[in-house]
Amino acid sequence: GGTTELVWLDETFLQEQGIGEWYELPLWLP
């Protein structure tokens, strides 16, 4: 029942920002 907007960000951008896979951004496995 949430209203959160999902903002889909490119994985190259996420990697450039140093985001950790699988746990920091859960279920992301690039």
Full PDB file with SEQRES, HELIX, SHEET, SSBOND, CRYST1, ORIGX, SCALE, CONECT and MASTER records, all heavy atoms in Angstrom:
SEQRES   1 A   30  GLY GLY THR THR GLU LEU VAL TRP LEU ASP GLU THR PHE          
SEQRES   2 A   30  LEU GLN GLU GLN GLY ILE GLY GLU TRP TYR GLU LEU PRO          
SEQRES   3 A   30  LEU TRP LEU PRO                                              
HELIX    1 AA1 GLU A   11  GLU A   16  1                                   6    
CRYST1    1.000    1.000    1.000  90.00  90.00  90.00 P 1           1          
ORIGX1      1.000000  0.000000  0.000000        0.00000                         
ORIGX2      0.000000  1.000000  0.000000        0.00000                         
ORIGX3      0.000000  0.000000  1.000000        0.00000                         
SCALE1      1.000000  0.000000  0.000000        0.00000                         
SCALE2      0.000000  1.000000  0.000000        0.00000                         
SCALE3      0.000000  0.000000  1.000000        0.00000                         
ATOM      1  N   GLY A   1       0.777  -1.232   0.000  1.00  0.00           N  
ATOM      2  CA  GLY A   1       0.000   0.000   0.000  1.00  0.00           C  
ATOM      3  C   GLY A   1       0.804   1.275   0.000  1.00  0.00           C  
ATOM      4  O   GLY A   1       0.320   2.328   0.444  1.00  0.00           O  
ATOM      5  N   GLY A   2       2.038   1.228  -0.514  1.00  0.00           N  
ATOM      6  CA  GLY A   2       2.873   2.418  -0.515  1.00  0.00           C  
ATOM      7  C   GLY A   2       2.668   3.287  -1.747  1.00  0.00           C  
ATOM      8  O   GLY A   2       2.027   2.875  -2.717  1.00  0.00           O  
ATOM      9  N   THR A   3       3.214   4.479  -1.684  1.00  0.00           N  
ATOM     10  CA  THR A   3       3.148   5.402  -2.823  1.00  0.00           C  
ATOM     11  C   THR A   3       4.544   5.797  -3.303  1.00  0.00           C  
ATOM     12  O   THR A   3       4.707   6.775  -4.017  1.00  0.00           O  
ATOM     13  CB  THR A   3       2.361   6.661  -2.449  1.00  0.00           C  
ATOM     14  OG1 THR A   3       3.020   7.310  -1.342  1.00  0.00           O  
ATOM     15  CG2 THR A   3       0.923   6.326  -2.073  1.00  0.00           C  
ATOM     16  N   THR A   4       5.547   5.024  -2.902  1.00  0.00           N  
ATOM     17  CA  THR A   4       6.920   5.338  -3.272  1.00  0.00           C  
ATOM     18  C   THR A   4       7.101   5.270  -4.782  1.00  0.00           C  
ATOM     19  O   THR A   4       6.708   4.291  -5.417  1.00  0.00           O  
ATOM     20  CB  THR A   4       7.887   4.339  -2.604  1.00  0.00           C  
ATOM     21  OG1 THR A   4       7.660   4.333  -1.200  1.00  0.00           O  
ATOM     22  CG2 THR A   4       9.327   4.719  -2.881  1.00  0.00           C  
ATOM     23  N   GLU A   5       7.721   6.294  -5.345  1.00  0.00           N  
ATOM     24  CA  GLU A   5       8.043   6.275  -6.770  1.00  0.00           C  
ATOM     25  C   GLU A   5       9.373   5.555  -6.964  1.00  0.00           C  
ATOM     26  O   GLU A   5      10.383   5.898  -6.343  1.00  0.00           O  
ATOM     27  CB  GLU A   5       8.166   7.708  -7.308  1.00  0.00           C  
ATOM     28  CG  GLU A   5       8.590   7.752  -8.773  1.00  0.00           C  
ATOM     29  CD  GLU A   5       8.951   9.132  -9.252  1.00  0.00           C  
ATOM     30  OE1 GLU A   5       8.804  10.097  -8.464  1.00  0.00           O  
ATOM     31  OE2 GLU A   5       9.409   9.255 -10.412  1.00  0.00           O  
ATOM     32  N   LEU A   6       9.382   4.539  -7.820  1.00  0.00           N  
ATOM     33  CA  LEU A   6      10.608   3.833  -8.155  1.00  0.00           C  
ATOM     34  C   LEU A   6      11.346   4.606  -9.245  1.00  0.00           C  
ATOM     35  O   LEU A   6      10.812   4.821 -10.330  1.00  0.00           O  
ATOM     36  CB  LEU A   6      10.294   2.417  -8.645  1.00  0.00           C  
ATOM     37  CG  LEU A   6       9.791   1.442  -7.579  1.00  0.00           C  
ATOM     38  CD1 LEU A   6       9.150   0.224  -8.228  1.00  0.00           C  
ATOM     39  CD2 LEU A   6      10.941   1.011  -6.667  1.00  0.00           C  
ATOM     40  N   VAL A   7      12.566   5.032  -8.933  1.00  0.00           N  
ATOM     41  CA  VAL A   7      13.384   5.760  -9.898  1.00  0.00           C  
ATOM     42  C   VAL A   7      14.458   4.804 -10.395  1.00  0.00           C  
ATOM     43  O   VAL A   7      15.402   4.469  -9.667  1.00  0.00           O  
ATOM     44  CB  VAL A   7      14.019   7.008  -9.257  1.00  0.00           C  
ATOM     45  CG1 VAL A   7      14.846   7.755 -10.287  1.00  0.00           C  
ATOM     46  CG2 VAL A   7      12.947   7.904  -8.655  1.00  0.00           C  
ATOM     47  N   TRP A   8      14.312   4.353 -11.636  1.00  0.00           N  
ATOM     48  CA  TRP A   8      15.212   3.337 -12.184  1.00  0.00           C  
ATOM     49  C   TRP A   8      16.489   3.998 -12.698  1.00  0.00           C  
ATOM     50  O   TRP A   8      16.477   4.731 -13.673  1.00  0.00           O  
ATOM     51  CB  TRP A   8      14.502   2.553 -13.283  1.00  0.00           C  
ATOM     52  CG  TRP A   8      13.359   1.751 -12.747  1.00  0.00           C  
ATOM     53  CD1 TRP A   8      12.060   2.154 -12.619  1.00  0.00           C  
ATOM     54  CD2 TRP A   8      13.431   0.432 -12.221  1.00  0.00           C  
ATOM     55  NE1 TRP A   8      11.301   1.153 -12.050  1.00  0.00           N  
ATOM     56  CE2 TRP A   8      12.124   0.085 -11.799  1.00  0.00           C  
ATOM     57  CE3 TRP A   8      14.453  -0.500 -12.068  1.00  0.00           C  
ATOM     58  CZ2 TRP A   8      11.812  -1.153 -11.232  1.00  0.00           C  
ATOM     59  CZ3 TRP A   8      14.158  -1.743 -11.508  1.00  0.00           C  
ATOM     60  CH2 TRP A   8      12.857  -2.056 -11.095  1.00  0.00           C  
ATOM     61  N   LEU A   9      17.603   3.720 -12.029  1.00  0.00           N  
ATOM     62  CA  LEU A   9      18.886   4.309 -12.372  1.00  0.00           C  
ATOM     63  C   LEU A   9      19.770   3.295 -13.089  1.00  0.00           C  
ATOM     64  O   LEU A   9      19.825   2.121 -12.714  1.00  0.00           O  
ATOM     65  CB  LEU A   9      19.602   4.809 -11.110  1.00  0.00           C  
ATOM     66  CG  LEU A   9      18.871   5.891 -10.310  1.00  0.00           C  
ATOM     67  CD1 LEU A   9      19.747   6.366  -9.159  1.00  0.00           C  
ATOM     68  CD2 LEU A   9      18.489   7.065 -11.201  1.00  0.00           C  
ATOM     69  N   ASP A  10      20.477   3.771 -14.099  1.00  0.00           N  
ATOM     70  CA  ASP A  10      21.351   2.930 -14.895  1.00  0.00           C  
ATOM     71  C   ASP A  10      22.446   2.321 -14.026  1.00  0.00           C  
ATOM     72  O   ASP A  10      23.009   2.998 -13.149  1.00  0.00           O  
ATOM     73  CB  ASP A  10      21.977   3.772 -16.017  1.00  0.00           C  
ATOM     74  CG  ASP A  10      22.881   2.953 -16.904  1.00  0.00           C  
ATOM     75  OD1 ASP A  10      22.369   2.217 -17.762  1.00  0.00           O  
ATOM     76  OD2 ASP A  10      24.111   3.048 -16.716  1.00  0.00           O  
ATOM     77  N   GLU A  11      22.764   1.041 -14.272  1.00  0.00           N  
ATOM     78  CA  GLU A  11      23.733   0.380 -13.412  1.00  0.00           C  
ATOM     79  C   GLU A  11      25.137   0.954 -13.574  1.00  0.00           C  
ATOM     80  O   GLU A  11      25.923   0.927 -12.613  1.00  0.00           O  
ATOM     81  CB  GLU A  11      23.729  -1.129 -13.650  1.00  0.00           C  
ATOM     82  CG  GLU A  11      24.159  -1.593 -15.005  1.00  0.00           C  
ATOM     83  CD  GLU A  11      24.047  -3.105 -15.129  1.00  0.00           C  
ATOM     84  OE1 GLU A  11      23.217  -3.728 -14.435  1.00  0.00           O  
ATOM     85  OE2 GLU A  11      24.806  -3.668 -15.923  1.00  0.00           O  
ATOM     86  N   THR A  12      25.467   1.508 -14.732  1.00  0.00           N  
ATOM     87  CA  THR A  12      26.767   2.164 -14.888  1.00  0.00           C  
ATOM     88  C   THR A  12      26.876   3.352 -13.933  1.00  0.00           C  
ATOM     89  O   THR A  12      27.915   3.562 -13.281  1.00  0.00           O  
ATOM     90  CB  THR A  12      26.969   2.624 -16.334  1.00  0.00           C  
ATOM     91  OG1 THR A  12      26.916   1.489 -17.200  1.00  0.00           O  
ATOM     92  CG2 THR A  12      28.310   3.329 -16.496  1.00  0.00           C  
ATOM     93  N   PHE A  13      25.811   4.135 -13.845  1.00  0.00           N  
ATOM     94  CA  PHE A  13      25.789   5.268 -12.910  1.00  0.00           C  
ATOM     95  C   PHE A  13      25.937   4.776 -11.469  1.00  0.00           C  
ATOM     96  O   PHE A  13      26.705   5.341 -10.677  1.00  0.00           O  
ATOM     97  CB  PHE A  13      24.491   6.049 -13.068  1.00  0.00           C  
ATOM     98  CG  PHE A  13      24.253   7.072 -11.997  1.00  0.00           C  
ATOM     99  CD1 PHE A  13      24.914   8.281 -12.011  1.00  0.00           C  
ATOM    100  CD2 PHE A  13      23.360   6.801 -10.957  1.00  0.00           C  
ATOM    101  CE1 PHE A  13      24.697   9.224 -11.004  1.00  0.00           C  
ATOM    102  CE2 PHE A  13      23.135   7.737  -9.955  1.00  0.00           C  
ATOM    103  CZ  PHE A  13      23.816   8.949  -9.982  1.00  0.00           C  
ATOM    104  N   LEU A  14      25.222   3.719 -11.119  1.00  0.00           N  
ATOM    105  CA  LEU A  14      25.293   3.187  -9.759  1.00  0.00           C  
ATOM    106  C   LEU A  14      26.704   2.703  -9.437  1.00  0.00           C  
ATOM    107  O   LEU A  14      27.203   2.921  -8.326  1.00  0.00           O  
ATOM    108  CB  LEU A  14      24.282   2.051  -9.591  1.00  0.00           C  
ATOM    109  CG  LEU A  14      22.814   2.458  -9.670  1.00  0.00           C  
ATOM    110  CD1 LEU A  14      21.916   1.219  -9.699  1.00  0.00           C  
ATOM    111  CD2 LEU A  14      22.428   3.354  -8.491  1.00  0.00           C  
ATOM    112  N   GLN A  15      27.343   2.063 -10.402  1.00  0.00           N  
ATOM    113  CA  GLN A  15      28.712   1.603 -10.177  1.00  0.00           C  
ATOM    114  C   GLN A  15      29.669   2.774 -10.036  1.00  0.00           C  
ATOM    115  O   GLN A  15      30.571   2.748  -9.192  1.00  0.00           O  
ATOM    116  CB  GLN A  15      29.134   0.680 -11.329  1.00  0.00           C  
ATOM    117  CG  GLN A  15      28.400  -0.657 -11.324  1.00  0.00           C  
ATOM    118  CD  GLN A  15      28.621  -1.456 -12.595  1.00  0.00           C  
ATOM    119  OE1 GLN A  15      28.724  -0.895 -13.692  1.00  0.00           O  
ATOM    120  NE2 GLN A  15      28.701  -2.772 -12.468  1.00  0.00           N  
ATOM    121  N   GLU A  16      29.465   3.821 -10.842  1.00  0.00           N  
ATOM    122  CA  GLU A  16      30.312   5.015 -10.723  1.00  0.00           C  
ATOM    123  C   GLU A  16      30.168   5.673  -9.355  1.00  0.00           C  
ATOM    124  O   GLU A  16      31.111   6.277  -8.842  1.00  0.00           O  
ATOM    125  CB  GLU A  16      29.954   6.005 -11.828  1.00  0.00           C  
ATOM    126  CG  GLU A  16      30.356   5.553 -13.221  1.00  0.00           C  
ATOM    127  CD  GLU A  16      29.809   6.473 -14.303  1.00  0.00           C  
ATOM    128  OE1 GLU A  16      28.936   7.323 -13.967  1.00  0.00           O  
ATOM    129  OE2 GLU A  16      30.235   6.348 -15.467  1.00  0.00           O  
ATOM    130  N   GLN A  17      28.988   5.549  -8.762  1.00  0.00           N  
ATOM    131  CA  GLN A  17      28.733   6.119  -7.431  1.00  0.00           C  
ATOM    132  C   GLN A  17      29.208   5.203  -6.304  1.00  0.00           C  
ATOM    133  O   GLN A  17      29.081   5.553  -5.131  1.00  0.00           O  
ATOM    134  CB  GLN A  17      27.236   6.400  -7.270  1.00  0.00           C  
ATOM    135  CG  GLN A  17      26.687   7.423  -8.257  1.00  0.00           C  
ATOM    136  CD  GLN A  17      27.326   8.785  -8.100  1.00  0.00           C  
ATOM    137  OE1 GLN A  17      27.456   9.295  -6.989  1.00  0.00           O  
ATOM    138  NE2 GLN A  17      27.750   9.376  -9.219  1.00  0.00           N  
ATOM    139  N   GLY A  18      29.746   4.041  -6.673  1.00  0.00           N  
ATOM    140  CA  GLY A  18      30.287   3.133  -5.665  1.00  0.00           C  
ATOM    141  C   GLY A  18      29.241   2.382  -4.860  1.00  0.00           C  
ATOM    142  O   GLY A  18      29.516   1.965  -3.723  1.00  0.00           O  
ATOM    143  N   ILE A  19      28.071   2.174  -5.432  1.00  0.00           N  
ATOM    144  CA  ILE A  19      27.009   1.472  -4.702  1.00  0.00           C  
ATOM    145  C   ILE A  19      27.322  -0.017  -4.625  1.00  0.00           C  
ATOM    146  O   ILE A  19      27.678  -0.652  -5.621  1.00  0.00           O  
ATOM    147  CB  ILE A  19      25.645   1.696  -5.392  1.00  0.00           C  
ATOM    148  CG1 ILE A  19      25.307   3.180  -5.398  1.00  0.00           C  
ATOM    149  CG2 ILE A  19      24.544   0.889  -4.710  1.00  0.00           C  
ATOM    150  CD1 ILE A  19      25.208   3.787  -4.019  1.00  0.00           C  
ATOM    151  N   GLY A  20      27.193  -0.568  -3.444  1.00  0.00           N  
ATOM    152  CA  GLY A  20      27.446  -1.987  -3.253  1.00  0.00           C  
ATOM    153  C   GLY A  20      26.304  -2.840  -3.767  1.00  0.00           C  
ATOM    154  O   GLY A  20      25.129  -2.523  -3.559  1.00  0.00           O  
ATOM    155  N   GLU A  21      26.643  -3.932  -4.439  1.00  0.00           N  
ATOM    156  CA  GLU A  21      25.625  -4.808  -5.013  1.00  0.00           C  
ATOM    157  C   GLU A  21      25.042  -5.765  -3.981  1.00  0.00           C  
ATOM    158  O   GLU A  21      25.632  -6.014  -2.931  1.00  0.00           O  
ATOM    159  CB  GLU A  21      26.225  -5.614  -6.167  1.00  0.00           C  
ATOM    160  CG  GLU A  21      27.347  -6.554  -5.736  1.00  0.00           C  
ATOM    161  CD  GLU A  21      27.948  -7.312  -6.901  1.00  0.00           C  
ATOM    162  OE1 GLU A  21      28.119  -6.713  -7.988  1.00  0.00           O  
ATOM    163  OE2 GLU A  21      28.245  -8.514  -6.731  1.00  0.00           O  
ATOM    164  N   TRP A  22      23.861  -6.244  -4.256  1.00  0.00           N  
ATOM    165  CA  TRP A  22      23.187  -7.337  -3.547  1.00  0.00           C  
ATOM    166  C   TRP A  22      22.699  -6.963  -2.155  1.00  0.00           C  
ATOM    167  O   TRP A  22      21.615  -7.328  -1.746  1.00  0.00           O  
ATOM    168  CB  TRP A  22      24.076  -8.575  -3.490  1.00  0.00           C  
ATOM    169  CG  TRP A  22      23.349  -9.874  -3.367  1.00  0.00           C  
ATOM    170  CD1 TRP A  22      23.539 -10.844  -2.411  1.00  0.00           C  
ATOM    171  CD2 TRP A  22      22.325 -10.385  -4.232  1.00  0.00           C  
ATOM    172  NE1 TRP A  22      22.694 -11.917  -2.629  1.00  0.00           N  
ATOM    173  CE2 TRP A  22      21.940 -11.649  -3.749  1.00  0.00           C  
ATOM    174  CE3 TRP A  22      21.679  -9.867  -5.360  1.00  0.00           C  
ATOM    175  CZ2 TRP A  22      20.949 -12.419  -4.355  1.00  0.00           C  
ATOM    176  CZ3 TRP A  22      20.698 -10.634  -5.979  1.00  0.00           C  
ATOM    177  CH2 TRP A  22      20.346 -11.890  -5.465  1.00  0.00           C  
ATOM    178  N   TYR A  23      23.508  -6.196  -1.398  1.00  0.00           N  
ATOM    179  CA  TYR A  23      23.089  -5.827  -0.052  1.00  0.00           C  
ATOM    180  C   TYR A  23      22.860  -4.326   0.096  1.00  0.00           C  
ATOM    181  O   TYR A  23      21.797  -3.912   0.570  1.00  0.00           O  
ATOM    182  CB  TYR A  23      24.090  -6.328   1.002  1.00  0.00           C  
ATOM    183  CG  TYR A  23      23.879  -7.776   1.339  1.00  0.00           C  
ATOM    184  CD1 TYR A  23      24.596  -8.773   0.697  1.00  0.00           C  
ATOM    185  CD2 TYR A  23      22.925  -8.163   2.277  1.00  0.00           C  
ATOM    186  CE1 TYR A  23      24.378 -10.115   0.984  1.00  0.00           C  
ATOM    187  CE2 TYR A  23      22.704  -9.494   2.579  1.00  0.00           C  
ATOM    188  CZ  TYR A  23      23.429 -10.468   1.926  1.00  0.00           C  
ATOM    189  OH  TYR A  23      23.191 -11.790   2.204  1.00  0.00           O  
ATOM    190  N   GLU A  24      23.839  -3.490  -0.267  1.00  0.00           N  
ATOM    191  CA  GLU A  24      23.592  -2.052  -0.094  1.00  0.00           C  
ATOM    192  C   GLU A  24      22.385  -1.627  -0.931  1.00  0.00           C  
ATOM    193  O   GLU A  24      21.516  -0.897  -0.446  1.00  0.00           O  
ATOM    194  CB  GLU A  24      24.802  -1.204  -0.477  1.00  0.00           C  
ATOM    195  CG  GLU A  24      24.546   0.280  -0.194  1.00  0.00           C  
ATOM    196  CD  GLU A  24      25.708   1.190  -0.519  1.00  0.00           C  
ATOM    197  OE1 GLU A  24      26.634   0.749  -1.229  1.00  0.00           O  
ATOM    198  OE2 GLU A  24      25.694   2.349  -0.069  1.00  0.00           O  
ATOM    199  N   LEU A  25      22.343  -2.077  -2.184  1.00  0.00           N  
ATOM    200  CA  LEU A  25      21.135  -1.922  -2.996  1.00  0.00           C  
ATOM    201  C   LEU A  25      20.584  -3.329  -3.179  1.00  0.00           C  
ATOM    202  O   LEU A  25      20.999  -4.068  -4.067  1.00  0.00           O  
ATOM    203  CB  LEU A  25      21.445  -1.259  -4.335  1.00  0.00           C  
ATOM    204  CG  LEU A  25      20.232  -0.947  -5.228  1.00  0.00           C  
ATOM    205  CD1 LEU A  25      19.135  -0.226  -4.447  1.00  0.00           C  
ATOM    206  CD2 LEU A  25      20.654  -0.129  -6.429  1.00  0.00           C  
ATOM    207  N   PRO A  26      19.659  -3.721  -2.327  1.00  0.00           N  
ATOM    208  CA  PRO A  26      19.268  -5.124  -2.243  1.00  0.00           C  
ATOM    209  C   PRO A  26      18.755  -5.696  -3.561  1.00  0.00           C  
ATOM    210  O   PRO A  26      18.001  -5.048  -4.285  1.00  0.00           O  
ATOM    211  CB  PRO A  26      18.164  -5.112  -1.176  1.00  0.00           C  
ATOM    212  CG  PRO A  26      18.472  -3.919  -0.330  1.00  0.00           C  
ATOM    213  CD  PRO A  26      19.002  -2.896  -1.302  1.00  0.00           C  
ATOM    214  N   LEU A  27      19.219  -6.917  -3.841  1.00  0.00           N  
ATOM    215  CA  LEU A  27      18.816  -7.714  -5.007  1.00  0.00           C  
ATOM    216  C   LEU A  27      19.405  -7.200  -6.314  1.00  0.00           C  
ATOM    217  O   LEU A  27      19.051  -7.696  -7.388  1.00  0.00           O  
ATOM    218  CB  LEU A  27      17.289  -7.814  -5.123  1.00  0.00           C  
ATOM    219  CG  LEU A  27      16.551  -8.342  -3.884  1.00  0.00           C  
ATOM    220  CD1 LEU A  27      15.052  -8.414  -4.165  1.00  0.00           C  
ATOM    221  CD2 LEU A  27      17.090  -9.707  -3.462  1.00  0.00           C  
ATOM    222  N   TRP A  28      20.321  -6.224  -6.245  1.00  0.00           N  
ATOM    223  CA  TRP A  28      20.994  -5.735  -7.448  1.00  0.00           C  
ATOM    224  C   TRP A  28      22.261  -6.542  -7.656  1.00  0.00           C  
ATOM    225  O   TRP A  28      23.147  -6.555  -6.811  1.00  0.00           O  
ATOM    226  CB  TRP A  28      21.339  -4.253  -7.288  1.00  0.00           C  
ATOM    227  CG  TRP A  28      22.124  -3.691  -8.446  1.00  0.00           C  
ATOM    228  CD1 TRP A  28      21.866  -3.845  -9.775  1.00  0.00           C  
ATOM    229  CD2 TRP A  28      23.301  -2.870  -8.364  1.00  0.00           C  
ATOM    230  NE1 TRP A  28      22.799  -3.174 -10.531  1.00  0.00           N  
ATOM    231  CE2 TRP A  28      23.692  -2.563  -9.688  1.00  0.00           C  
ATOM    232  CE3 TRP A  28      24.046  -2.363  -7.307  1.00  0.00           C  
ATOM    233  CZ2 TRP A  28      24.795  -1.777  -9.979  1.00  0.00           C  
ATOM    234  CZ3 TRP A  28      25.150  -1.573  -7.591  1.00  0.00           C  
ATOM    235  CH2 TRP A  28      25.514  -1.281  -8.914  1.00  0.00           C  
ATOM    236  N   LEU A  29      22.346  -7.227  -8.802  1.00  0.00           N  
ATOM    237  CA  LEU A  29      23.482  -8.082  -9.108  1.00  0.00           C  
ATOM    238  C   LEU A  29      23.946  -7.762 -10.530  1.00  0.00           C  
ATOM    239  O   LEU A  29      23.562  -8.439 -11.488  1.00  0.00           O  
ATOM    240  CB  LEU A  29      23.072  -9.552  -8.987  1.00  0.00           C  
ATOM    241  CG  LEU A  29      24.175 -10.594  -8.829  1.00  0.00           C  
ATOM    242  CD1 LEU A  29      25.002 -10.300  -7.576  1.00  0.00           C  
ATOM    243  CD2 LEU A  29      23.570 -11.983  -8.730  1.00  0.00           C  
ATOM    244  N   PRO A  30      24.768  -6.728 -10.705  1.00  0.00           N  
ATOM    245  CA  PRO A  30      25.105  -6.251 -12.043  1.00  0.00           C  
ATOM    246  C   PRO A  30      26.133  -7.084 -12.793  1.00  0.00           C  
ATOM    247  O   PRO A  30      26.222  -6.986 -14.021  1.00  0.00           O  
ATOM    248  CB  PRO A  30      25.643  -4.844 -11.782  1.00  0.00           C  
ATOM    249  CG  PRO A  30      26.217  -4.916 -10.401  1.00  0.00           C  
ATOM    250  CD  PRO A  30      25.313  -5.843  -9.647  1.00  0.00           C  
TER     251      PRO A  30                                                      
MASTER        0    0    0    1    0    0    0    6  250    1    0    3          
END                                                                             
